[in-house]
Amino acid sequence: MTSVATEEIKRLKCEGAELWRPNEILKCASVFFAKELDRPTTR
């Protein structure tokens, strides 16, 4: 493999990791808010 290809793979792995983090945060937030909506309200 060439050094250019190696650098491209490294860059893409970093980019993938950066995209993974916000997705995980959004998944956790959606679970949290779904639980809040399912909770019965008392008035």
Protein backbone atom coordinates (compact mmCIF):
# COMPACT_ATOMS: atom_id res chain seq x y z
CA MET A 1 0.00 0.00 0.00
CA THR A 2 1.25 3.48 -0.76
CA SER A 3 1.75 6.15 1.86
CA VAL A 4 -1.01 8.17 0.20
CA ALA A 5 -3.45 5.29 0.63
CA THR A 6 -2.35 4.78 4.23
CA GLU A 7 -2.91 8.47 5.02
CA GLU A 8 -6.33 8.37 3.34
CA ILE A 9 -7.36 5.36 5.43
CA LYS A 10 -6.19 7.10 8.60
CA ARG A 11 -8.13 10.24 7.67
CA LEU A 12 -11.29 8.28 6.91
CA LYS A 13 -11.08 6.38 10.21
CA CYS A 14 -10.84 9.66 12.11
CA GLU A 15 -13.73 11.09 10.13
CA GLY A 16 -15.81 7.99 10.87
CA ALA A 17 -15.10 8.32 14.59
CA GLU A 18 -16.16 11.97 14.51
CA LEU A 19 -19.44 11.03 12.85
CA TRP A 20 -20.08 8.14 15.25
CA ARG A 21 -20.03 10.29 18.41
CA PRO A 22 -22.92 12.64 17.52
CA ASN A 23 -25.01 9.67 16.39
CA GLU A 24 -24.55 7.99 19.76
CA ILE A 25 -25.47 11.19 21.59
CA LEU A 26 -28.61 11.57 19.48
CA LYS A 27 -29.60 7.95 20.10
CA CYS A 28 -29.23 8.39 23.86
CA ALA A 29 -31.19 11.63 23.77
CA SER A 30 -34.02 10.07 21.77
CA VAL A 31 -34.27 7.19 24.27
CA PHE A 32 -34.36 9.68 27.15
CA PHE A 33 -37.10 11.80 25.59
CA ALA A 34 -39.12 8.76 24.55
CA LYS A 35 -39.12 7.61 28.17
CA GLU A 36 -40.20 11.10 29.27
CA LEU A 37 -43.12 11.02 26.84
CA ASP A 38 -44.22 7.57 28.00
CA ARG A 39 -44.29 8.58 31.64
CA PRO A 40 -47.83 9.29 32.90
CA THR A 41 -48.43 12.86 34.02
CA THR A 42 -50.20 13.69 37.26
CA ARG A 43 -52.21 16.88 37.47
